[in-house]
């Protein structure tokens, strides 16, 4: 199952995401939550301390490659399990969380 939550700023996306992932994980299912917000707060919403920060998954995990037909595709440079193992954090209730991106400074996004 894959669930994506989107909406305008301030609509509660992070709170809903954190609550939903923890409830699903409490039922014994494996949950990988990915925070794709440029100002990531899902780690704290999942119950990890305010001083806990995840290393953002670098853009280098995806490469553009051209196939034999000349079509450009985006492909992972590592397996999903390697990416999760390297950048994932364990949160309460068995949720694993990844920070998909961060904007380091204005104009960097």
PDB file of N, CA and C in Angstrom:
ATOM      1  N   UNK A   1       0.850  -1.162   0.000  1.00  0.00           N
ATOM      2  CA  UNK A   1       0.000   0.000   0.000  1.00  0.00           C
ATOM      3  C   UNK A   1       0.902   1.232   0.000  1.00  0.00           C
ATOM      4  N   UNK A   2       0.545   2.209  -0.803  1.00  0.00           N
ATOM      5  CA  UNK A   2       1.241   3.487  -0.828  1.00  0.00           C
ATOM      6  C   UNK A   2       0.215   4.581  -0.617  1.00  0.00           C
ATOM      7  N   UNK A   3       0.535   5.503   0.287  1.00  0.00           N
ATOM      8  CA  UNK A   3      -0.363   6.622   0.572  1.00  0.00           C
ATOM      9  C   UNK A   3       0.449   7.898   0.447  1.00  0.00           C
ATOM     10  N   UNK A   4      -0.054   8.854  -0.295  1.00  0.00           N
ATOM     11  CA  UNK A   4       0.575  10.170  -0.405  1.00  0.00           C
ATOM     12  C   UNK A   4      -0.393  11.200   0.149  1.00  0.00           C
ATOM     13  N   UNK A   5       0.147  12.136   0.908  1.00  0.00           N
ATOM     14  CA  UNK A   5      -0.687  13.184   1.486  1.00  0.00           C
ATOM     15  C   UNK A   5      -0.161  14.521   0.990  1.00  0.00           C
ATOM     16  N   UNK A   6      -1.041  15.300   0.406  1.00  0.00           N
ATOM     17  CA  UNK A   6      -0.650  16.612  -0.106  1.00  0.00           C
ATOM     18  C   UNK A   6      -1.736  17.625   0.213  1.00  0.00           C
ATOM     19  N   UNK A   7      -1.405  18.874   0.083  1.00  0.00           N
ATOM     20  CA  UNK A   7      -2.365  19.938   0.340  1.00  0.00           C
ATOM     21  C   UNK A   7      -1.650  21.249   0.538  1.00  0.00           C
ATOM     22  N   UNK A   8      -2.401  22.279   0.777  1.00  0.00           N
ATOM     23  CA  UNK A   8      -1.805  23.594   0.951  1.00  0.00           C
ATOM     24  C   UNK A   8      -1.109  23.693   2.307  1.00  0.00           C
ATOM     25  N   UNK A   9      -0.234  24.651   2.425  1.00  0.00           N
ATOM     26  CA  UNK A   9       0.500  24.857   3.667  1.00  0.00           C
ATOM     27  C   UNK A   9      -0.426  25.099   4.839  1.00  0.00           C
ATOM     28  N   UNK A  10      -0.105  24.522   5.979  1.00  0.00           N
ATOM     29  CA  UNK A  10      -0.889  24.728   7.189  1.00  0.00           C
ATOM     30  C   UNK A  10      -2.157  23.903   7.277  1.00  0.00           C
ATOM     31  N   UNK A  11      -2.325  22.941   6.379  1.00  0.00           N
ATOM     32  CA  UNK A  11      -3.563  22.155   6.385  1.00  0.00           C
ATOM     33  C   UNK A  11      -3.491  20.904   7.251  1.00  0.00           C
ATOM     34  N   UNK A  12      -2.344  20.652   7.885  1.00  0.00           N
ATOM     35  CA  UNK A  12      -2.222  19.513   8.789  1.00  0.00           C
ATOM     36  C   UNK A  12      -1.634  18.257   8.166  1.00  0.00           C
ATOM     37  N   UNK A  13      -0.975  18.395   7.030  1.00  0.00           N
ATOM     38  CA  UNK A  13      -0.415  17.224   6.333  1.00  0.00           C
ATOM     39  C   UNK A  13       0.557  16.439   7.209  1.00  0.00           C
ATOM     40  N   UNK A  14       1.450  17.113   7.883  1.00  0.00           N
ATOM     41  CA  UNK A  14       2.452  16.432   8.704  1.00  0.00           C
ATOM     42  C   UNK A  14       1.786  15.714   9.876  1.00  0.00           C
ATOM     43  N   UNK A  15       0.856  16.359  10.536  1.00  0.00           N
ATOM     44  CA  UNK A  15       0.155  15.745  11.668  1.00  0.00           C
ATOM     45  C   UNK A  15      -0.632  14.523  11.221  1.00  0.00           C
ATOM     46  N   UNK A  16      -1.349  14.636  10.125  1.00  0.00           N
ATOM     47  CA  UNK A  16      -2.119  13.508   9.609  1.00  0.00           C
ATOM     48  C   UNK A  16      -1.179  12.369   9.205  1.00  0.00           C
ATOM     49  N   UNK A  17      -0.086  12.706   8.542  1.00  0.00           N
ATOM     50  CA  UNK A  17       0.880  11.684   8.109  1.00  0.00           C
ATOM     51  C   UNK A  17       1.469  10.935   9.295  1.00  0.00           C
ATOM     52  N   UNK A  18       1.880  11.673  10.317  1.00  0.00           N
ATOM     53  CA  UNK A  18       2.473  11.040  11.496  1.00  0.00           C
ATOM     54  C   UNK A  18       1.469  10.137  12.202  1.00  0.00           C
ATOM     55  N   UNK A  19       0.257  10.615  12.369  1.00  0.00           N
ATOM     56  CA  UNK A  19      -0.775   9.824  13.042  1.00  0.00           C
ATOM     57  C   UNK A  19      -1.101   8.563  12.248  1.00  0.00           C
ATOM     58  N   UNK A  20      -1.293   8.716  10.958  1.00  0.00           N
ATOM     59  CA  UNK A  20      -1.638   7.592  10.100  1.00  0.00           C
ATOM     60  C   UNK A  20      -0.527   6.542  10.073  1.00  0.00           C
ATOM     61  N   UNK A  21       0.722   6.975   9.935  1.00  0.00           N
ATOM     62  CA  UNK A  21       1.821   5.999   9.883  1.00  0.00           C
ATOM     63  C   UNK A  21       1.964   5.242  11.196  1.00  0.00           C
ATOM     64  N   UNK A  22       1.805   5.930  12.318  1.00  0.00           N
ATOM     65  CA  UNK A  22       1.931   5.239  13.609  1.00  0.00           C
ATOM     66  C   UNK A  22       0.781   4.257  13.826  1.00  0.00           C
ATOM     67  N   UNK A  23      -0.416   4.621  13.421  1.00  0.00           N
ATOM     68  CA  UNK A  23      -1.550   3.705  13.569  1.00  0.00           C
ATOM     69  C   UNK A  23      -1.374   2.459  12.696  1.00  0.00           C
ATOM     70  N   UNK A  24      -0.897   2.648  11.484  1.00  0.00           N
ATOM     71  CA  UNK A  24      -0.667   1.502  10.592  1.00  0.00           C
ATOM     72  C   UNK A  24       0.443   0.614  11.148  1.00  0.00           C
ATOM     73  N   UNK A  25       1.516   1.218  11.631  1.00  0.00           N
ATOM     74  CA  UNK A  25       2.631   0.436  12.191  1.00  0.00           C
ATOM     75  C   UNK A  25       2.203  -0.332  13.436  1.00  0.00           C
ATOM     76  N   UNK A  26       1.334   0.254  14.245  1.00  0.00           N
ATOM     77  CA  UNK A  26       0.846  -0.430  15.448  1.00  0.00           C
ATOM     78  C   UNK A  26       0.050  -1.683  15.113  1.00  0.00           C
ATOM     79  N   UNK A  27      -0.437  -1.783  13.897  1.00  0.00           N
ATOM     80  CA  UNK A  27      -1.149  -2.985  13.445  1.00  0.00           C
ATOM     81  C   UNK A  27      -0.193  -4.049  12.935  1.00  0.00           C
ATOM     82  N   UNK A  28       1.124  -3.774  13.046  1.00  0.00           N
ATOM     83  CA  UNK A  28       2.120  -4.767  12.664  1.00  0.00           C
ATOM     84  C   UNK A  28       2.620  -4.672  11.243  1.00  0.00           C
ATOM     85  N   UNK A  29       2.193  -3.656  10.516  1.00  0.00           N
ATOM     86  CA  UNK A  29       2.653  -3.499   9.137  1.00  0.00           C
ATOM     87  C   UNK A  29       3.947  -2.687   9.094  1.00  0.00           C
ATOM     88  N   UNK A  30       4.770  -2.973   8.114  1.00  0.00           N
ATOM     89  CA  UNK A  30       6.008  -2.232   7.915  1.00  0.00           C
ATOM     90  C   UNK A  30       5.677  -0.884   7.285  1.00  0.00           C
ATOM     91  N   UNK A  31       6.187   0.197   7.879  1.00  0.00           N
ATOM     92  CA  UNK A  31       5.869   1.540   7.392  1.00  0.00           C
ATOM     93  C   UNK A  31       7.149   2.319   7.143  1.00  0.00           C
ATOM     94  N   UNK A  32       7.251   2.864   5.939  1.00  0.00           N
ATOM     95  CA  UNK A  32       8.327   3.782   5.580  1.00  0.00           C
ATOM     96  C   UNK A  32       7.668   5.112   5.268  1.00  0.00           C
ATOM     97  N   UNK A  33       7.947   6.127   6.085  1.00  0.00           N
ATOM     98  CA  UNK A  33       7.396   7.467   5.878  1.00  0.00           C
ATOM     99  C   UNK A  33       8.497   8.334   5.268  1.00  0.00           C
ATOM    100  N   UNK A  34       8.151   9.047   4.219  1.00  0.00           N
ATOM    101  CA  UNK A  34       9.117   9.906   3.542  1.00  0.00           C
ATOM    102  C   UNK A  34       8.630  11.343   3.640  1.00  0.00           C
ATOM    103  N   UNK A  35       9.446  12.183   4.250  1.00  0.00           N
ATOM    104  CA  UNK A  35       9.107  13.598   4.381  1.00  0.00           C
ATOM    105  C   UNK A  35       9.728  14.336   3.199  1.00  0.00           C
ATOM    106  N   UNK A  36       8.899  14.747   2.262  1.00  0.00           N
ATOM    107  CA  UNK A  36       9.382  15.442   1.077  1.00  0.00           C
ATOM    108  C   UNK A  36       9.244  16.947   1.171  1.00  0.00           C
ATOM    109  N   UNK A  37       8.880  17.443   2.338  1.00  0.00           N
ATOM    110  CA  UNK A  37       8.713  18.879   2.537  1.00  0.00           C
ATOM    111  C   UNK A  37      10.077  19.556   2.616  1.00  0.00           C
ATOM    112  N   UNK A  38      10.267  20.691   1.951  1.00  0.00           N
ATOM    113  CA  UNK A  38      11.550  21.406   2.057  1.00  0.00           C
ATOM    114  C   UNK A  38      11.862  21.856   3.483  1.00  0.00           C
ATOM    115  N   UNK A  39      10.837  21.952   4.323  1.00  0.00           N
ATOM    116  CA  UNK A  39      11.022  22.268   5.741  1.00  0.00           C
ATOM    117  C   UNK A  39      10.517  21.062   6.530  1.00  0.00           C
ATOM    118  N   UNK A  40      11.323  19.990   6.592  1.00  0.00           N
ATOM    119  CA  UNK A  40      10.828  18.721   7.142  1.00  0.00           C
ATOM    120  C   UNK A  40      10.611  18.752   8.653  1.00  0.00           C
ATOM    121  N   UNK A  41       9.424  18.307   9.069  1.00  0.00           N
ATOM    122  CA  UNK A  41       9.079  18.232  10.493  1.00  0.00           C
ATOM    123  C   UNK A  41       8.464  16.893  10.875  1.00  0.00           C
ATOM    124  N   UNK A  42       8.416  15.961   9.937  1.00  0.00           N
ATOM    125  CA  UNK A  42       7.765  14.677  10.216  1.00  0.00           C
ATOM    126  C   UNK A  42       8.494  13.901  11.312  1.00  0.00           C
ATOM    127  N   UNK A  43       9.795  14.029  11.396  1.00  0.00           N
ATOM    128  CA  UNK A  43      10.567  13.329  12.432  1.00  0.00           C
ATOM    129  C   UNK A  43      10.053  13.714  13.819  1.00  0.00           C
ATOM    130  N   UNK A  44       9.873  14.991  14.048  1.00  0.00           N
ATOM    131  CA  UNK A  44       9.385  15.444  15.353  1.00  0.00           C
ATOM    132  C   UNK A  44       7.927  15.037  15.547  1.00  0.00           C
ATOM    133  N   UNK A  45       7.115  15.116  14.492  1.00  0.00           N
ATOM    134  CA  UNK A  45       5.704  14.745  14.611  1.00  0.00           C
ATOM    135  C   UNK A  45       5.538  13.254  14.910  1.00  0.00           C
ATOM    136  N   UNK A  46       6.532  12.448  14.503  1.00  0.00           N
ATOM    137  CA  UNK A  46       6.480  11.015  14.792  1.00  0.00           C
ATOM    138  C   UNK A  46       6.924  10.696  16.211  1.00  0.00           C
ATOM    139  N   UNK A  47       7.414  11.693  16.932  1.00  0.00           N
ATOM    140  CA  UNK A  47       7.752  11.473  18.327  1.00  0.00           C
ATOM    141  C   UNK A  47       9.235  11.430  18.638  1.00  0.00           C
ATOM    142  N   UNK A  48      10.078  11.707  17.647  1.00  0.00           N
ATOM    143  CA  UNK A  48      11.506  11.791  17.934  1.00  0.00           C
ATOM    144  C   UNK A  48      11.792  13.176  18.494  1.00  0.00           C
ATOM    145  N   UNK A  49      12.806  13.278  19.327  1.00  0.00           N
ATOM    146  CA  UNK A  49      13.097  14.525  20.028  1.00  0.00           C
ATOM    147  C   UNK A  49      13.409  15.686  19.116  1.00  0.00           C
ATOM    148  N   UNK A  50      13.288  16.906  19.648  1.00  0.00           N
ATOM    149  CA  UNK A  50      13.538  18.102  18.848  1.00  0.00           C
ATOM    150  C   UNK A  50      14.984  18.211  18.373  1.00  0.00           C
ATOM    151  N   UNK A  51      15.916  17.547  19.029  1.00  0.00           N
ATOM    152  CA  UNK A  51      17.315  17.604  18.616  1.00  0.00           C
ATOM    153  C   UNK A  51      17.688  16.541  17.592  1.00  0.00           C
ATOM    154  N   UNK A  52      16.746  15.658  17.259  1.00  0.00           N
ATOM    155  CA  UNK A  52      17.032  14.571  16.316  1.00  0.00           C
ATOM    156  C   UNK A  52      16.872  15.077  14.890  1.00  0.00           C
ATOM    157  N   UNK A  53      17.903  14.874  14.093  1.00  0.00           N
ATOM    158  CA  UNK A  53      17.833  15.246  12.690  1.00  0.00           C
ATOM    159  C   UNK A  53      18.288  14.079  11.846  1.00  0.00           C
ATOM    160  N   UNK A  54      17.666  13.924  10.714  1.00  0.00           N
ATOM    161  CA  UNK A  54      18.056  12.872   9.776  1.00  0.00           C
ATOM    162  C   UNK A  54      18.901  13.490   8.682  1.00  0.00           C
ATOM    163  N   UNK A  55      19.814  12.700   8.177  1.00  0.00           N
ATOM    164  CA  UNK A  55      20.565  13.128   7.005  1.00  0.00           C
ATOM    165  C   UNK A  55      19.622  12.998   5.805  1.00  0.00           C
ATOM    166  N   UNK A  56      19.445  14.078   5.081  1.00  0.00           N
ATOM    167  CA  UNK A  56      18.550  14.043   3.922  1.00  0.00           C
ATOM    168  C   UNK A  56      19.121  13.125   2.853  1.00  0.00           C
ATOM    169  N   UNK A  57      18.244  12.437   2.169  1.00  0.00           N
ATOM    170  CA  UNK A  57      18.667  11.570   1.066  1.00  0.00           C
ATOM    171  C   UNK A  57      19.201  12.476  -0.039  1.00  0.00           C
ATOM    172  N   UNK A  58      20.448  12.290  -0.437  1.00  0.00           N
ATOM    173  CA  UNK A  58      21.019  13.189  -1.440  1.00  0.00           C
ATOM    174  C   UNK A  58      20.447  12.938  -2.830  1.00  0.00           C
ATOM    175  N   UNK A  59      20.501  13.946  -3.647  1.00  0.00           N
ATOM    176  CA  UNK A  59      20.007  13.827  -5.019  1.00  0.00           C
ATOM    177  C   UNK A  59      20.803  12.813  -5.826  1.00  0.00           C
ATOM    178  N   UNK A  60      21.991  12.484  -5.356  1.00  0.00           N
ATOM    179  CA  UNK A  60      22.850  11.548  -6.085  1.00  0.00           C
ATOM    180  C   UNK A  60      22.320  10.116  -6.070  1.00  0.00           C
ATOM    181  N   UNK A  61      21.267   9.822  -5.295  1.00  0.00           N
ATOM    182  CA  UNK A  61      20.700   8.468  -5.307  1.00  0.00           C
ATOM    183  C   UNK A  61      19.868   8.220  -6.566  1.00  0.00           C
ATOM    184  N   UNK A  62      19.649   9.285  -7.347  1.00  0.00           N
ATOM    185  CA  UNK A  62      18.907   9.159  -8.607  1.00  0.00           C
ATOM    186  C   UNK A  62      19.774   9.712  -9.735  1.00  0.00           C
ATOM    187  N   UNK A  63      19.826   8.960 -10.819  1.00  0.00           N
ATOM    188  CA  UNK A  63      20.561   9.405 -12.007  1.00  0.00           C
ATOM    189  C   UNK A  63      19.637   9.396 -13.215  1.00  0.00           C
ATOM    190  N   UNK A  64      19.916  10.304 -14.124  1.00  0.00           N
ATOM    191  CA  UNK A  64      19.221  10.272 -15.419  1.00  0.00           C
ATOM    192  C   UNK A  64      20.014   9.374 -16.340  1.00  0.00           C
ATOM    193  N   UNK A  65      19.323   8.446 -16.961  1.00  0.00           N
ATOM    194  CA  UNK A  65      19.966   7.550 -17.917  1.00  0.00           C
ATOM    195  C   UNK A  65      19.106   7.466 -19.162  1.00  0.00           C
ATOM    196  N   UNK A  66      19.775   7.300 -20.278  1.00  0.00           N
ATOM    197  CA  UNK A  66      19.074   7.160 -21.545  1.00  0.00           C
ATOM    198  C   UNK A  66      19.059   5.693 -21.926  1.00  0.00           C
ATOM    199  N   UNK A  67      17.883   5.184 -22.282  1.00  0.00           N
ATOM    200  CA  UNK A  67      17.793   3.784 -22.690  1.00  0.00           C
ATOM    201  C   UNK A  67      18.122   3.646 -24.176  1.00  0.00           C
ATOM    202  N   UNK A  68      18.048   2.429 -24.673  1.00  0.00           N
ATOM    203  CA  UNK A  68      18.418   2.161 -26.064  1.00  0.00           C
ATOM    204  C   UNK A  68      17.531   2.896 -27.059  1.00  0.00           C
ATOM    205  N   UNK A  69      16.309   3.189 -26.660  1.00  0.00           N
ATOM    206  CA  UNK A  69      15.379   3.902 -27.540  1.00  0.00           C
ATOM    207  C   UNK A  69      15.563   5.415 -27.460  1.00  0.00           C
ATOM    208  N   UNK A  70      16.494   5.866 -26.632  1.00  0.00           N
ATOM    209  CA  UNK A  70      16.754   7.292 -26.490  1.00  0.00           C
ATOM    210  C   UNK A  70      15.874   7.995 -25.481  1.00  0.00           C
ATOM    211  N   UNK A  71      15.080   7.221 -24.759  1.00  0.00           N
ATOM    212  CA  UNK A  71      14.201   7.796 -23.743  1.00  0.00           C
ATOM    213  C   UNK A  71      14.973   7.983 -22.441  1.00  0.00           C
ATOM    214  N   UNK A  72      14.840   9.163 -21.847  1.00  0.00           N
ATOM    215  CA  UNK A  72      15.522   9.448 -20.588  1.00  0.00           C
ATOM    216  C   UNK A  72      14.680   8.940 -19.432  1.00  0.00           C
ATOM    217  N   UNK A  73      15.332   8.250 -18.522  1.00  0.00           N
ATOM    218  CA  UNK A  73      14.669   7.718 -17.328  1.00  0.00           C
ATOM    219  C   UNK A  73      15.478   8.108 -16.090  1.00  0.00           C
ATOM    220  N   UNK A  74      14.779   8.167 -14.971  1.00  0.00           N
ATOM    221  CA  UNK A  74      15.435   8.361 -13.683  1.00  0.00           C
ATOM    222  C   UNK A  74      15.546   6.998 -13.022  1.00  0.00           C
ATOM    223  N   UNK A  75      16.733   6.633 -12.593  1.00  0.00           N
ATOM    224  CA  UNK A  75      16.952   5.340 -11.946  1.00  0.00           C
ATOM    225  C   UNK A  75      17.706   5.536 -10.634  1.00  0.00           C
ATOM    226  N   UNK A  76      17.450   4.645  -9.692  1.00  0.00           N
ATOM    227  CA  UNK A  76      18.160   4.685  -8.411  1.00  0.00           C
ATOM    228  C   UNK A  76      19.576   4.162  -8.586  1.00  0.00           C
ATOM    229  N   UNK A  77      20.519   4.775  -7.903  1.00  0.00           N
ATOM    230  CA  UNK A  77      21.902   4.316  -7.948  1.00  0.00           C
ATOM    231  C   UNK A  77      22.183   3.267  -6.885  1.00  0.00           C
ATOM    232  N   UNK A  78      21.279   3.112  -5.944  1.00  0.00           N
ATOM    233  CA  UNK A  78      21.357   2.094  -4.893  1.00  0.00           C
ATOM    234  C   UNK A  78      19.978   1.471  -4.755  1.00  0.00           C
ATOM    235  N   UNK A  79      19.916   0.314  -4.112  1.00  0.00           N
ATOM    236  CA  UNK A  79      18.621  -0.307  -3.882  1.00  0.00           C
ATOM    237  C   UNK A  79      17.856   0.471  -2.811  1.00  0.00           C
ATOM    238  N   UNK A  80      16.547   0.291  -2.789  1.00  0.00           N
ATOM    239  CA  UNK A  80      15.719   0.955  -1.784  1.00  0.00           C
ATOM    240  C   UNK A  80      16.174   0.544  -0.388  1.00  0.00           C
ATOM    241  N   UNK A  81      16.465  -0.735  -0.192  1.00  0.00           N
ATOM    242  CA  UNK A  81      16.890  -1.188   1.137  1.00  0.00           C
ATOM    243  C   UNK A  81      18.217  -0.551   1.539  1.00  0.00           C
ATOM    244  N   UNK A  82      19.127  -0.336   0.597  1.00  0.00           N
ATOM    245  CA  UNK A  82      20.392   0.346   0.912  1.00  0.00           C
ATOM    246  C   UNK A  82      20.144   1.808   1.284  1.00  0.00           C
ATOM    247  N   UNK A  83      19.254   2.457   0.564  1.00  0.00           N
ATOM    248  CA  UNK A  83      18.936   3.860   0.855  1.00  0.00           C
ATOM    249  C   UNK A  83      18.286   3.983   2.231  1.00  0.00           C
ATOM    250  N   UNK A  84      17.332   3.111   2.520  1.00  0.00           N
ATOM    251  CA  UNK A  84      16.660   3.137   3.826  1.00  0.00           C
ATOM    252  C   UNK A  84      17.660   2.804   4.932  1.00  0.00           C
ATOM    253  N   UNK A  85      18.523   1.829   4.703  1.00  0.00           N
ATOM    254  CA  UNK A  85      19.524   1.472   5.705  1.00  0.00           C
ATOM    255  C   UNK A  85      20.498   2.590   5.996  1.00  0.00           C
ATOM    256  N   UNK A  86      20.833   3.365   4.986  1.00  0.00           N
ATOM    257  CA  UNK A  86      21.816   4.446   5.145  1.00  0.00           C
ATOM    258  C   UNK A  86      21.193   5.713   5.730  1.00  0.00           C
ATOM    259  N   UNK A  87      19.989   6.066   5.277  1.00  0.00           N
ATOM    260  CA  UNK A  87      19.410   7.357   5.638  1.00  0.00           C
ATOM    261  C   UNK A  87      18.177   7.269   6.535  1.00  0.00           C
ATOM    262  N   UNK A  88      17.626   6.086   6.731  1.00  0.00           N
ATOM    263  CA  UNK A  88      16.407   5.940   7.520  1.00  0.00           C
ATOM    264  C   UNK A  88      16.649   6.042   9.016  1.00  0.00           C
ATOM    265  N   UNK A  89      15.678   6.587   9.704  1.00  0.00           N
ATOM    266  CA  UNK A  89      15.688   6.662  11.167  1.00  0.00           C
ATOM    267  C   UNK A  89      14.516   5.849  11.697  1.00  0.00           C
ATOM    268  N   UNK A  90      14.758   5.155  12.792  1.00  0.00           N
ATOM    269  CA  UNK A  90      13.673   4.420  13.451  1.00  0.00           C
ATOM    270  C   UNK A  90      12.929   5.379  14.369  1.00  0.00           C
ATOM    271  N   UNK A  91      11.628   5.418  14.190  1.00  0.00           N
ATOM    272  CA  UNK A  91      10.764   6.265  15.006  1.00  0.00           C
ATOM    273  C   UNK A  91       9.890   5.361  15.881  1.00  0.00           C
ATOM    274  N   UNK A  92       9.159   5.930  16.836  1.00  0.00           N
ATOM    275  CA  UNK A  92       8.281   5.130  17.683  1.00  0.00           C
ATOM    276  C   UNK A  92       7.285   4.288  16.878  1.00  0.00           C
ATOM    277  N   UNK A  93       6.870   3.204  17.479  1.00  0.00           N
ATOM    278  CA  UNK A  93       5.887   2.269  16.922  1.00  0.00           C
ATOM    279  C   UNK A  93       6.399   1.502  15.711  1.00  0.00           C
ATOM    280  N   UNK A  94       7.707   1.551  15.450  1.00  0.00           N
ATOM    281  CA  UNK A  94       8.268   0.784  14.346  1.00  0.00           C
ATOM    282  C   UNK A  94       8.245   1.480  13.002  1.00  0.00           C
ATOM    283  N   UNK A  95       7.942   2.758  12.971  1.00  0.00           N
ATOM    284  CA  UNK A  95       7.960   3.523  11.725  1.00  0.00           C
ATOM    285  C   UNK A  95       9.407   3.857  11.375  1.00  0.00           C
ATOM    286  N   UNK A  96       9.758   3.712  10.106  1.00  0.00           N
ATOM    287  CA  UNK A  96      11.044   4.182   9.606  1.00  0.00           C
ATOM    288  C   UNK A  96      10.775   5.434   8.801  1.00  0.00           C
ATOM    289  N   UNK A  97      11.581   6.464   8.993  1.00  0.00           N
ATOM    290  CA  UNK A  97      11.344   7.742   8.317  1.00  0.00           C
ATOM    291  C   UNK A  97      12.583   8.170   7.547  1.00  0.00           C
ATOM    292  N   UNK A  98      12.345   8.699   6.358  1.00  0.00           N
ATOM    293  CA  UNK A  98      13.390   9.278   5.511  1.00  0.00           C
ATOM    294  C   UNK A  98      13.053  10.743   5.273  1.00  0.00           C
ATOM    295  N   UNK A  99      14.081  11.561   5.245  1.00  0.00           N
ATOM    296  CA  UNK A  99      13.899  12.954   4.832  1.00  0.00           C
ATOM    297  C   UNK A  99      14.332  13.023   3.381  1.00  0.00           C
ATOM    298  N   UNK A 100      13.360  13.317   2.508  1.00  0.00           N
ATOM    299  CA  UNK A 100      13.606  13.263   1.080  1.00  0.00           C
ATOM    300  C   UNK A 100      14.417  14.418   0.536  1.00  0.00           C
ATOM    301  N   UNK A 101      14.316  15.569   1.164  1.00  0.00           N
ATOM    302  CA  UNK A 101      15.031  16.728   0.644  1.00  0.00           C
ATOM    303  C   UNK A 101      15.088  17.788   1.726  1.00  0.00           C
ATOM    304  N   UNK A 102      16.005  18.679   1.579  1.00  0.00           N
ATOM    305  CA  UNK A 102      16.074  19.850   2.442  1.00  0.00           C
ATOM    306  C   UNK A 102      16.576  21.000   1.589  1.00  0.00           C
ATOM    307  N   UNK A 103      16.054  22.186   1.845  1.00  0.00           N
ATOM    308  CA  UNK A 103      16.578  23.364   1.198  1.00  0.00           C
ATOM    309  C   UNK A 103      17.529  24.003   2.188  1.00  0.00           C
ATOM    310  N   UNK A 104      18.803  24.084   1.808  1.00  0.00           N
ATOM    311  CA  UNK A 104      19.814  24.592   2.730  1.00  0.00           C
ATOM    312  C   UNK A 104      19.822  26.105   2.827  1.00  0.00           C
ATOM    313  N   UNK A 105      19.472  26.788   1.749  1.00  0.00           N
ATOM    314  CA  UNK A 105      19.453  28.245   1.752  1.00  0.00           C
ATOM    315  C   UNK A 105      18.590  28.727   0.601  1.00  0.00           C
ATOM    316  N   UNK A 106      18.230  29.975   0.630  1.00  0.00           N
ATOM    317  CA  UNK A 106      17.383  30.546  -0.413  1.00  0.00           C
ATOM    318  C   UNK A 106      18.010  30.318  -1.798  1.00  0.00           C
ATOM    319  N   UNK A 107      17.195  29.911  -2.728  1.00  0.00           N
ATOM    320  CA  UNK A 107      17.672  29.686  -4.085  1.00  0.00           C
ATOM    321  C   UNK A 107      18.279  28.320  -4.321  1.00  0.00           C
ATOM    322  N   UNK A 108      18.357  27.482  -3.261  1.00  0.00           N
ATOM    323  CA  UNK A 108      19.002  26.183  -3.389  1.00  0.00           C
ATOM    324  C   UNK A 108      18.025  25.069  -3.745  1.00  0.00           C
ATOM    325  N   UNK A 109      16.727  25.348  -3.684  1.00  0.00           N
ATOM    326  CA  UNK A 109      15.735  24.316  -3.902  1.00  0.00           C
ATOM    327  C   UNK A 109      15.539  24.028  -5.346  1.00  0.00           C
TER     328      UNK A 109
END
